[in-house]
N, C-alpha and C. Protein backbone atom coordinates (compact mmCIF):
# COMPACT_ATOMS: atom_id res chain seq x y z
N UNK A 1 -22.18 2.67 23.39
CA UNK A 1 -20.97 2.51 23.54
C UNK A 1 -20.17 1.61 22.22
N UNK A 2 -21.36 0.59 22.32
CA UNK A 2 -21.08 -0.26 20.78
C UNK A 2 -20.94 0.53 19.66
N UNK A 3 -22.12 1.41 19.03
CA UNK A 3 -22.07 2.00 17.88
C UNK A 3 -20.79 3.03 17.35
N UNK A 4 -20.00 3.20 18.77
CA UNK A 4 -18.67 3.92 18.68
C UNK A 4 -17.24 3.26 18.20
N UNK A 5 -17.67 1.88 18.99
CA UNK A 5 -17.06 1.10 18.44
C UNK A 5 -17.25 0.52 17.18
N UNK A 6 -18.13 0.18 16.76
CA UNK A 6 -18.59 0.04 15.31
C UNK A 6 -18.03 0.90 14.48
N UNK A 7 -18.16 2.23 14.57
CA UNK A 7 -17.87 3.61 13.57
C UNK A 7 -16.41 3.61 13.84
N UNK A 8 -15.90 3.33 14.59
CA UNK A 8 -14.37 3.42 14.82
C UNK A 8 -13.68 2.56 13.74
N UNK A 9 -14.03 1.24 14.14
CA UNK A 9 -13.90 -0.02 13.50
C UNK A 9 -13.99 0.55 11.79
N UNK A 10 -15.14 0.60 11.72
CA UNK A 10 -15.22 0.80 10.22
C UNK A 10 -14.47 1.58 9.58
N UNK A 11 -13.63 2.08 10.39
CA UNK A 11 -12.74 3.57 9.88
C UNK A 11 -11.02 3.05 9.58
N UNK A 12 -11.21 2.10 10.23
CA UNK A 12 -9.53 1.58 10.39
C UNK A 12 -9.05 1.51 8.98
N UNK A 13 -9.83 0.88 8.17
CA UNK A 13 -9.00 0.53 6.86
C UNK A 13 -8.99 1.90 6.40
N UNK A 14 -9.42 2.82 6.25
CA UNK A 14 -9.48 4.44 5.56
C UNK A 14 -8.39 4.83 6.47
N UNK A 15 -8.07 4.40 7.77
CA UNK A 15 -7.04 4.77 8.79
C UNK A 15 -5.78 4.51 8.01
N UNK A 16 -5.50 3.16 7.74
CA UNK A 16 -3.99 2.68 7.32
C UNK A 16 -4.28 2.43 5.94
N UNK A 17 -4.97 2.82 5.03
CA UNK A 17 -4.32 3.11 3.27
C UNK A 17 -4.31 1.64 3.34
N UNK A 18 -3.67 2.11 1.66
CA UNK A 18 -3.81 1.37 0.86
C UNK A 18 -2.44 0.47 0.86
N UNK A 19 -2.33 -1.03 0.46
CA UNK A 19 -1.04 -1.73 1.15
C UNK A 19 -0.05 -1.76 -0.19
N UNK A 20 1.45 -1.37 -0.08
CA UNK A 20 2.20 -1.01 -1.50
C UNK A 20 2.10 -2.40 -2.20
N UNK A 21 1.90 -2.02 -3.59
CA UNK A 21 2.03 -2.88 -4.64
C UNK A 21 3.36 -3.23 -4.88
N UNK A 22 3.30 -4.94 -4.75
CA UNK A 22 4.76 -5.41 -5.51
C UNK A 22 4.96 -5.82 -7.03
N UNK A 23 3.86 -5.77 -7.77
CA UNK A 23 3.86 -6.25 -8.85
C UNK A 23 4.34 -5.01 -9.78
N UNK A 24 5.18 -5.21 -11.01
CA UNK A 24 6.06 -5.09 -11.39
C UNK A 24 5.82 -4.85 -13.19
N UNK A 25 4.27 -5.11 -13.21
CA UNK A 25 4.15 -4.87 -14.62
C UNK A 25 2.36 -5.01 -14.55
N UNK A 26 1.84 -4.24 -15.45
CA UNK A 26 0.73 -3.32 -15.80
C UNK A 26 -0.15 -4.37 -16.74
N UNK A 27 -1.02 -5.13 -16.52
CA UNK A 27 -1.97 -5.98 -17.04
C UNK A 27 -2.93 -5.75 -17.57
N UNK A 28 -3.63 -5.54 -18.75
CA UNK A 28 -4.70 -5.36 -19.22
C UNK A 28 -5.84 -5.89 -20.33
N UNK A 29 -6.83 -6.20 -19.94
CA UNK A 29 -7.69 -7.03 -21.07
C UNK A 29 -8.67 -6.05 -21.97
N UNK A 30 -8.41 -6.14 -23.35
CA UNK A 30 -8.84 -5.67 -24.09
C UNK A 30 -10.35 -6.09 -24.57
N UNK A 31 -10.84 -5.43 -24.83
CA UNK A 31 -12.55 -5.67 -24.38
C UNK A 31 -13.08 -6.26 -25.83
N UNK A 32 -12.73 -5.89 -27.00
CA UNK A 32 -13.45 -6.60 -28.26
C UNK A 32 -12.99 -8.35 -28.50
N UNK A 33 -11.74 -8.20 -28.44
CA UNK A 33 -11.09 -9.54 -28.66
C UNK A 33 -10.45 -10.16 -27.27
N UNK A 34 -10.55 -10.03 -26.54
CA UNK A 34 -10.18 -10.82 -24.87
C UNK A 34 -8.46 -10.94 -24.82
N UNK A 35 -7.67 -10.16 -25.56
CA UNK A 35 -6.41 -10.22 -25.66
C UNK A 35 -5.85 -9.52 -24.61
N UNK A 36 -4.91 -9.90 -23.90
CA UNK A 36 -4.12 -9.84 -22.55
C UNK A 36 -3.19 -9.03 -23.08
N UNK A 37 -2.40 -7.68 -22.53
CA UNK A 37 -1.82 -6.92 -22.85
C UNK A 37 -0.72 -6.73 -21.92
N UNK A 38 0.68 -7.08 -21.59
CA UNK A 38 1.40 -6.80 -20.35
C UNK A 38 2.52 -5.78 -20.77
N UNK A 39 2.18 -4.62 -19.69
CA UNK A 39 3.45 -3.53 -19.96
C UNK A 39 4.23 -3.81 -18.68
N UNK A 40 5.62 -3.89 -18.92
CA UNK A 40 6.69 -3.98 -18.14
C UNK A 40 6.75 -2.51 -17.30
N UNK A 41 6.44 -2.08 -15.89
CA UNK A 41 7.01 -1.05 -15.27
C UNK A 41 8.21 -0.48 -15.00
N UNK A 42 9.26 -1.47 -14.94
CA UNK A 42 10.52 -1.64 -14.83
C UNK A 42 10.94 -0.56 -14.32
N UNK A 43 12.58 -0.14 -14.71
CA UNK A 43 13.01 0.84 -14.49
C UNK A 43 12.63 2.06 -15.23
N UNK A 44 12.33 3.32 -14.36
CA UNK A 44 12.31 4.51 -15.56
C UNK A 44 13.35 5.09 -16.76
N UNK A 45 12.64 5.72 -17.39
CA UNK A 45 13.77 6.11 -18.58
C UNK A 45 14.70 6.55 -18.16
N UNK A 46 16.18 6.61 -19.04
CA UNK A 46 17.02 7.17 -18.55
C UNK A 46 16.76 8.98 -18.75
N UNK A 47 17.63 9.59 -17.85
CA UNK A 47 17.25 10.84 -17.97
C UNK A 47 18.42 11.66 -18.99
N UNK A 48 19.56 11.00 -19.29
CA UNK A 48 20.12 11.51 -20.54
C UNK A 48 21.07 10.24 -21.20
N UNK A 49 20.44 10.29 -22.34
CA UNK A 49 21.16 9.48 -23.27
C UNK A 49 20.09 8.64 -24.04
N UNK A 50 20.32 7.55 -24.63
CA UNK A 50 19.51 7.02 -25.06
C UNK A 50 18.19 6.72 -24.94
N UNK A 51 17.12 7.56 -25.47
CA UNK A 51 15.93 7.16 -25.05
C UNK A 51 15.28 8.46 -24.33
N UNK A 52 16.07 9.24 -24.37
CA UNK A 52 15.47 10.19 -23.30
C UNK A 52 14.90 11.28 -24.04
N UNK A 53 13.94 11.91 -23.61
CA UNK A 53 12.86 13.25 -24.31
C UNK A 53 13.38 14.55 -24.68
N UNK A 54 13.44 14.64 -25.51
CA UNK A 54 14.50 16.43 -25.68
C UNK A 54 12.90 17.40 -25.85
N UNK A 55 12.91 17.83 -24.49
CA UNK A 55 11.99 19.18 -24.12
C UNK A 55 11.74 19.93 -25.36
N UNK A 56 12.51 20.66 -26.13
CA UNK A 56 12.30 21.00 -27.34
C UNK A 56 11.14 20.70 -28.52
N UNK A 57 11.38 19.20 -28.49
CA UNK A 57 10.48 18.25 -29.38
C UNK A 57 9.12 18.13 -28.49
N UNK A 58 8.95 18.17 -27.51
CA UNK A 58 7.63 18.23 -26.31
C UNK A 58 6.68 19.52 -26.77
N UNK A 59 7.32 20.55 -27.25
CA UNK A 59 6.05 21.76 -27.06
C UNK A 59 6.73 22.69 -27.82
N UNK A 60 6.07 21.91 -29.04
CA UNK A 60 6.47 22.75 -30.56
C UNK A 60 5.05 22.96 -30.79
N UNK A 61 4.68 24.29 -30.20
CA UNK A 61 3.38 25.08 -30.66
C UNK A 61 3.73 26.16 -31.39
N UNK A 62 4.87 26.36 -32.06
CA UNK A 62 4.83 27.58 -33.12
C UNK A 62 4.72 26.71 -34.44
N UNK A 63 4.81 25.49 -34.36
CA UNK A 63 5.57 25.01 -35.72
C UNK A 63 3.70 24.26 -36.00
N UNK A 64 3.03 24.58 -35.65
CA UNK A 64 1.62 24.09 -36.31
C UNK A 64 1.22 25.16 -37.73
N UNK A 65 0.45 24.48 -38.39
CA UNK A 65 0.02 25.00 -39.39
C UNK A 65 -1.01 25.71 -39.63
N UNK A 66 -0.84 27.16 -39.86
CA UNK A 66 -1.71 28.08 -40.04
C UNK A 66 -2.87 28.11 -41.13
N UNK A 67 -3.73 28.49 -40.87
CA UNK A 67 -4.93 28.37 -41.37
C UNK A 67 -5.40 29.79 -41.93
N UNK A 68 -5.47 29.64 -43.55
CA UNK A 68 -6.16 30.97 -44.44
C UNK A 68 -7.15 31.22 -44.40
N UNK A 69 -7.48 32.34 -43.63
CA UNK A 69 -9.24 32.45 -43.39
C UNK A 69 -9.42 33.51 -44.65
N UNK A 70 -8.89 33.70 -45.55
CA UNK A 70 -8.78 34.33 -46.89
C UNK A 70 -9.61 33.74 -47.75
N UNK A 71 -9.20 32.67 -47.75
CA UNK A 71 -9.08 31.64 -49.04
C UNK A 71 -11.10 31.16 -48.90
């Protein structure tokens, strides 16, 4: 009975899951220089208007340079 209780108590953290994060910034330390970079995770980018990504610009597969294999 004690081994069953021990096994169930070991699985409690997996059943609960991670606690919600409250931080609004991502902090990264660079390996070589030790410099710390902070990225603000604030509000997501607006859907329309200033700073919005245009879908036609993201998938421009036909504008790639063609290689002339006859050379």
